[in-house]
Amino acid sequence: MKRIIKSFILLLVPLSLAGQLTPVTSQYVLNPLSINPAYAGNRGALNIAAFYRRQWTGITGAPETMTLTADAPFLDSKLGLGFIITNDKIGVTKETHFMTNYSYRINMDKGTLSFGLGAGLMTSNTAWSQLVVLDPGDENFLTDSRVFVVPDFTFGIYYSHQNYFAGLSVPKLLGYKFNYTKNRYIIMFNPGQYNYLLNAGYIFTLSQKVKFFPSALVTISPREKLLVDLNAYVSLNDRIWAGASYRNQRSAGVLFQIAVNNQFRVAYTYDIDFSTLGHYSNGSHEIMLRYEFHYKVDAISPLNF
């Protein structure tokens, strides 16, 4: 299926910025493991979740992301293990991330301190032949790229108490960018270019049935301005969640989640982008399906929604 030339611009984004600024979507609210490996096992039970995100609907070549994640505690909850598979499609470029997460937890009075490490691989390939180009005879666009493989590592710290949590993570310990001359990815190790994510939240019990969950995510990047995500959600009987988020003059969104029963949950998120690109799209949609195996009554994390 042919793409218009605009797709070429879109596919350049992951090739040039993959090692610079880690993209953050609404998924981290429902899946903290996606931004912090120290969260592995903090739900207190084995759980499996699937996510699908369609970004900037109405624009040809816009990103599509599918994610499958699972994590669980082990050894009397002293260790946590997690696994994430993410498939990104942007224009004619496809990327697949395989990430394993390990956490070690220390009990501290009523709270828990976790240290986490993530290790995995990213594979990427580009279908150049699907582009519509000005010169159809250009050999650079007649042959699809081979599959490239690069390593990926993350680190994080996560503390949870009875009514609040705080986490700090480095989403990429290795950077990489595509070198067109050598036709391969160049791996870079530069701690001075690390991005840091600080995530924190608190639970307010408004009544026996109603709880209020404000939280924030701050992204600190050496080359970008400070990015701040503000989130606020209300839960009813720990069965229905509704709320909104605001992202540093970039976008705003709403989230709804329903616990069908004690183990199965469904969520939907809709985002509106404030940038120029947002004027040409119909917003971004994301859905989640989660199944949790309750072999432990009380989960450790206070913001387990």
Protein backbone atom coordinates (compact mmCIF):
# COMPACT_ATOMS: atom_id res chain seq x y z
CA MET A 1 0.00 0.00 0.00
CA LYS A 2 1.48 3.32 -1.05
CA ARG A 3 2.06 6.23 1.33
CA ILE A 4 2.20 9.91 0.47
CA ILE A 5 5.53 11.67 0.77
CA LYS A 6 4.49 13.10 4.15
CA SER A 7 5.13 9.66 5.60
CA PHE A 8 8.83 10.17 4.93
CA ILE A 9 8.87 13.09 7.35
CA LEU A 10 7.08 11.08 10.01
CA LEU A 11 9.42 8.11 9.81
CA LEU A 12 12.45 10.35 10.36
CA VAL A 13 11.30 11.07 13.90
CA PRO A 14 12.21 7.68 15.45
CA LEU A 15 15.41 7.39 13.40
CA SER A 16 16.88 10.67 14.60
CA LEU A 17 15.49 11.02 18.11
CA ALA A 18 15.38 7.48 19.44
CA GLY A 19 18.27 8.07 21.79
CA GLN A 20 17.40 11.66 22.70
CA LEU A 21 13.94 12.13 24.17
CA THR A 22 11.84 9.17 25.25
CA PRO A 23 8.22 9.62 24.12
CA VAL A 24 5.63 9.50 26.90
CA THR A 25 1.97 8.70 26.27
CA SER A 26 -1.06 8.15 28.49
CA GLN A 27 -0.03 4.52 28.92
CA TYR A 28 2.29 5.22 31.86
CA VAL A 29 -0.70 6.16 34.07
CA LEU A 30 -2.15 2.66 33.75
CA ASN A 31 1.19 0.94 33.22
CA PRO A 32 4.01 2.52 35.30
CA LEU A 33 6.27 -0.37 34.31
CA SER A 34 6.59 1.28 30.88
CA ILE A 35 8.61 4.15 32.41
CA ASN A 36 10.13 2.57 35.54
CA PRO A 37 11.47 -1.02 35.84
CA ALA A 38 11.41 -0.75 39.66
CA TYR A 39 7.59 -1.02 39.47
CA ALA A 40 7.82 -4.72 38.53
CA GLY A 41 5.86 -6.80 41.04
CA ASN A 42 4.40 -3.81 42.90
CA ARG A 43 0.80 -4.72 42.10
CA GLY A 44 1.23 -7.66 44.47
CA ALA A 45 -0.01 -10.25 41.98
CA LEU A 46 0.65 -11.63 38.52
CA ASN A 47 -1.09 -9.39 35.99
CA ILE A 48 -1.19 -9.25 32.21
CA ALA A 49 -2.24 -6.17 30.25
CA ALA A 50 -2.61 -5.33 26.56
CA PHE A 51 -2.61 -1.79 25.14
CA TYR A 52 -3.40 -0.38 21.72
CA ARG A 53 -2.78 3.29 20.84
CA ARG A 54 -3.68 5.09 17.63
CA GLN A 55 -2.08 8.53 17.59
CA TRP A 56 -3.11 11.52 15.48
CA THR A 57 -5.99 9.72 13.78
CA GLY A 58 -6.76 11.07 10.33
CA ILE A 59 -3.08 11.60 9.38
CA THR A 60 -1.48 9.11 6.99
CA GLY A 61 1.49 7.34 8.56
CA ALA A 62 0.65 8.43 12.11
CA PRO A 63 2.04 6.25 14.94
CA GLU A 64 0.33 3.04 16.01
CA THR A 65 1.51 1.25 19.14
CA MET A 66 0.63 -2.19 20.51
CA THR A 67 1.96 -3.29 23.90
CA LEU A 68 1.79 -6.51 25.89
CA THR A 69 3.06 -6.38 29.47
CA ALA A 70 3.22 -8.79 32.41
CA ASP A 71 4.80 -8.64 35.85
CA ALA A 72 4.62 -10.44 39.20
CA PRO A 73 6.31 -10.60 42.62
CA PHE A 74 8.55 -13.53 43.63
CA LEU A 75 10.36 -14.82 46.74
CA ASP A 76 7.83 -13.41 49.24
CA SER A 77 7.60 -10.19 47.22
CA LYS A 78 11.31 -9.43 47.64
CA LEU A 79 11.82 -9.66 43.89
CA GLY A 80 9.70 -8.50 40.99
CA LEU A 81 9.92 -9.63 37.38
CA GLY A 82 8.32 -7.99 34.38
CA PHE A 83 8.24 -8.31 30.60
CA ILE A 84 7.13 -5.81 27.97
CA ILE A 85 6.74 -6.22 24.21
CA THR A 86 6.01 -3.02 22.29
CA ASN A 87 5.43 -2.75 18.55
CA ASP A 88 5.56 0.76 17.04
CA LYS A 89 4.61 1.59 13.48
CA ILE A 90 5.40 5.13 12.30
CA GLY A 91 4.99 5.80 8.61
CA VAL A 92 6.87 3.00 6.86
CA THR A 93 9.13 2.29 9.82
CA LYS A 94 8.43 -0.52 12.29
CA GLU A 95 10.11 -0.88 15.67
CA THR A 96 9.70 -3.72 18.16
CA HIS A 97 10.98 -3.44 21.73
CA PHE A 98 11.57 -6.46 23.97
CA MET A 99 12.27 -5.49 27.57
CA THR A 100 12.74 -7.60 30.70
CA ASN A 101 12.46 -5.84 34.07
CA TYR A 102 13.88 -6.83 37.43
CA SER A 103 13.23 -5.18 40.79
CA TYR A 104 14.53 -5.75 44.32
CA ARG A 105 12.27 -4.54 47.11
CA ILE A 106 13.10 -3.48 50.67
CA ASN A 107 10.37 -3.16 53.32
CA MET A 108 10.59 0.14 55.20
CA ASP A 109 8.03 0.40 58.02
CA LYS A 110 4.72 0.79 56.12
CA GLY A 111 6.39 1.53 52.84
CA THR A 112 8.44 -0.30 50.22
CA LEU A 113 11.55 0.87 48.38
CA SER A 114 12.31 -0.81 45.04
CA PHE A 115 15.36 -0.71 42.79
CA GLY A 116 14.84 -1.77 39.20
CA LEU A 117 16.83 -2.57 36.08
CA GLY A 118 15.51 -3.22 32.60
CA ALA A 119 17.39 -4.97 29.80
CA GLY A 120 16.23 -5.72 26.28
CA LEU A 121 16.49 -5.21 22.53
CA MET A 122 15.00 -2.94 19.92
CA THR A 123 14.55 -4.12 16.33
CA SER A 124 13.81 -1.74 13.46
CA ASN A 125 13.24 -1.92 9.73
CA THR A 126 11.92 0.47 7.08
CA ALA A 127 9.86 -0.40 3.98
CA TRP A 128 11.28 2.25 1.64
CA SER A 129 9.48 0.70 -1.33
CA GLN A 130 6.11 1.77 0.11
CA LEU A 131 6.92 5.47 -0.21
CA VAL A 132 5.78 7.65 -3.09
CA VAL A 133 8.94 9.50 -4.18
CA LEU A 134 9.72 12.26 -6.66
CA ASP A 135 12.16 10.04 -8.52
CA PRO A 136 10.81 6.47 -8.70
CA GLY A 137 14.11 5.31 -10.12
CA ASP A 138 16.11 6.31 -7.05
CA GLU A 139 17.71 3.07 -5.88
CA ASN A 140 17.70 4.22 -2.25
CA PHE A 141 13.93 3.86 -2.19
CA LEU A 142 13.58 0.66 -4.16
CA THR A 143 15.03 -1.68 -1.53
CA ASP A 144 13.61 -2.13 1.95
CA SER A 145 16.07 -1.86 4.82
CA ARG A 146 17.38 -4.89 6.66
CA VAL A 147 16.35 -5.52 10.27
CA PHE A 148 18.54 -3.59 12.72
CA VAL A 149 18.99 -4.70 16.34
CA VAL A 150 20.26 -2.50 19.18
CA PRO A 151 20.41 -3.11 22.96
CA ASP A 152 18.31 -1.17 25.43
CA PHE A 153 18.72 -0.65 29.21
CA THR A 154 16.73 1.26 31.85
CA PHE A 155 17.09 2.01 35.56
CA GLY A 156 14.64 3.15 38.22
CA ILE A 157 13.84 3.65 41.91
CA TYR A 158 10.29 3.41 43.25
CA TYR A 159 8.92 4.10 46.75
CA SER A 160 5.34 3.39 47.77
CA HIS A 161 3.61 4.06 51.09
CA GLN A 162 0.08 3.61 52.31
CA ASN A 163 -1.32 6.62 50.47
CA TYR A 164 1.40 7.87 48.14
CA PHE A 165 4.23 6.89 45.81
CA ALA A 166 7.28 8.45 44.17
CA GLY A 167 9.55 7.13 41.44
CA LEU A 168 12.67 8.24 39.60
CA SER A 169 13.87 6.55 36.41
CA VAL A 170 16.27 6.83 33.49
CA PRO A 171 14.32 5.38 30.54
CA LYS A 172 17.40 4.94 28.30
CA LEU A 173 20.91 4.22 29.52
CA LEU A 174 22.15 3.89 25.93
CA GLY A 175 21.40 6.29 23.11
CA TYR A 176 21.37 5.51 19.41
CA LYS A 177 20.85 7.22 16.09
CA PHE A 178 20.80 6.04 12.50
CA ASN A 179 23.89 6.66 10.35
CA TYR A 180 22.79 6.81 6.70
CA THR A 181 26.36 6.69 5.39
CA LYS A 182 27.16 3.42 7.17
CA ASN A 183 23.56 2.17 6.94
CA ARG A 184 23.37 1.17 10.59
CA TYR A 185 22.55 2.44 14.06
CA ILE A 186 25.30 4.08 16.09
CA ILE A 187 25.14 3.29 19.82
CA MET A 188 26.15 6.07 22.20
CA PHE A 189 26.87 6.11 25.93
CA ASN A 190 26.62 9.66 27.26
CA PRO A 191 25.31 10.11 30.84
CA GLY A 192 25.28 13.86 30.29
CA GLN A 193 22.44 13.40 27.79
CA TYR A 194 20.24 11.22 30.02
CA ASN A 195 16.56 12.00 30.44
CA TYR A 196 15.16 11.69 33.97
CA LEU A 197 11.54 10.94 34.80
CA LEU A 198 10.12 11.85 38.22
CA ASN A 199 6.67 10.41 38.90
CA ALA A 200 4.69 10.98 42.14
CA GLY A 201 1.10 10.78 43.36
CA TYR A 202 -1.17 10.70 46.41
CA ILE A 203 -4.51 9.20 47.40
CA PHE A 204 -7.15 11.35 49.12
CA THR A 205 -10.07 9.43 50.63
CA LEU A 206 -13.04 11.77 50.22
CA SER A 207 -15.62 9.33 51.55
CA GLN A 208 -16.13 5.62 52.06
CA LYS A 209 -16.83 5.19 48.34
CA VAL A 210 -14.93 8.04 46.67
CA LYS A 211 -11.15 8.51 46.31
CA PHE A 212 -9.18 11.22 44.56
CA PHE A 213 -5.86 10.42 42.78
CA PRO A 214 -3.70 13.41 41.75
CA SER A 215 -0.28 12.64 40.26
CA ALA A 216 2.45 14.27 38.20
CA LEU A 217 5.23 13.24 35.85
CA VAL A 218 8.21 15.57 35.35
CA THR A 219 10.61 14.90 32.46
CA ILE A 220 14.06 16.47 32.78
CA SER A 221 16.07 16.55 29.56
CA PRO A 222 19.39 18.35 28.95
CA ARG A 223 18.33 19.66 25.54
CA GLU A 224 14.60 20.14 26.02
CA LYS A 225 12.60 22.37 28.28
CA LEU A 226 11.08 20.85 31.40
CA LEU A 227 8.02 18.75 30.57
CA VAL A 228 5.28 18.39 33.18
CA ASP A 229 2.28 16.05 33.05
CA LEU A 230 -0.53 16.66 35.55
CA ASN A 231 -3.14 13.95 36.17
CA ALA A 232 -6.23 13.81 38.37
CA TYR A 233 -8.63 10.88 38.70
CA VAL A 234 -11.62 10.01 40.86
CA SER A 235 -12.64 6.45 41.73
CA LEU A 236 -16.05 5.20 42.84
CA ASN A 237 -16.14 2.02 44.96
CA ASP A 238 -12.75 1.11 43.41
CA ARG A 239 -14.78 -0.01 40.38
CA ILE A 240 -15.06 3.04 38.15
CA TRP A 241 -12.29 5.56 37.45
CA ALA A 242 -12.60 8.83 35.51
CA GLY A 243 -10.21 11.71 35.16
CA ALA A 244 -8.15 14.04 33.02
CA SER A 245 -4.54 14.92 32.24
CA TYR A 246 -2.70 17.99 31.00
CA ARG A 247 0.74 17.85 29.40
CA ASN A 248 2.79 21.05 29.44
CA GLN A 249 0.92 22.91 26.69
CA ARG A 250 1.30 19.86 24.46
CA SER A 251 -1.94 17.96 24.93
CA ALA A 252 -4.86 17.16 27.21
CA GLY A 253 -6.75 13.93 27.69
CA VAL A 254 -9.50 12.08 29.49
CA LEU A 255 -9.41 8.55 30.92
CA PHE A 256 -12.16 6.10 31.86
CA GLN A 257 -11.63 2.70 33.48
CA ILE A 258 -14.09 0.05 34.63
CA ALA A 259 -13.36 -2.98 36.79
CA VAL A 260 -15.67 -5.61 35.29
CA ASN A 261 -14.87 -7.85 38.26
CA ASN A 262 -12.03 -8.24 40.78
CA GLN A 263 -9.66 -9.46 38.08
CA PHE A 264 -10.60 -7.91 34.74
CA ARG A 265 -10.38 -4.20 33.86
CA VAL A 266 -11.01 -2.17 30.71
CA ALA A 267 -9.80 1.39 30.11
CA TYR A 268 -10.05 4.01 27.37
CA THR A 269 -8.04 7.22 26.91
CA TYR A 270 -8.60 10.07 24.46
CA ASP A 271 -5.97 12.80 23.88
CA ILE A 272 -6.12 16.11 22.03
CA ASP A 273 -2.86 17.57 20.73
CA PHE A 274 -2.31 21.35 20.97
CA SER A 275 0.51 21.51 18.43
CA THR A 276 0.16 22.52 14.78
CA LEU A 277 -0.04 18.84 13.86
CA GLY A 278 -3.07 18.52 16.14
CA HIS A 279 -5.08 20.79 13.80
CA TYR A 280 -4.92 18.06 11.14
CA SER A 281 -5.76 15.08 13.36
CA ASN A 282 -8.83 13.80 15.18
CA GLY A 283 -7.00 13.16 18.43
CA SER A 284 -5.36 10.02 19.81
CA HIS A 285 -7.11 6.92 21.16
CA GLU A 286 -5.82 4.27 23.51
CA ILE A 287 -7.49 1.19 25.01
CA MET A 288 -6.35 -1.23 27.71
CA LEU A 289 -7.38 -4.73 28.78
CA ARG A 290 -5.94 -6.03 32.07
CA TYR A 291 -6.33 -9.37 33.86
CA GLU A 292 -4.97 -9.74 37.38
CA PHE A 293 -4.46 -13.05 39.19
CA HIS A 294 -5.37 -12.37 42.82
CA TYR A 295 -3.20 -14.64 44.87
CA LYS A 296 -2.53 -11.75 47.27
CA VAL A 297 -5.38 -9.76 48.82
CA ASP A 298 -3.78 -6.32 49.17
CA ALA A 299 -1.54 -4.91 46.50
CA ILE A 300 1.48 -2.91 47.64
CA SER A 301 1.24 0.12 45.40
CA PRO A 302 -1.26 2.72 46.71
CA LEU A 303 -2.09 4.02 43.24
CA ASN A 304 -2.97 0.66 41.74
CA PHE A 305 -5.57 1.80 39.26
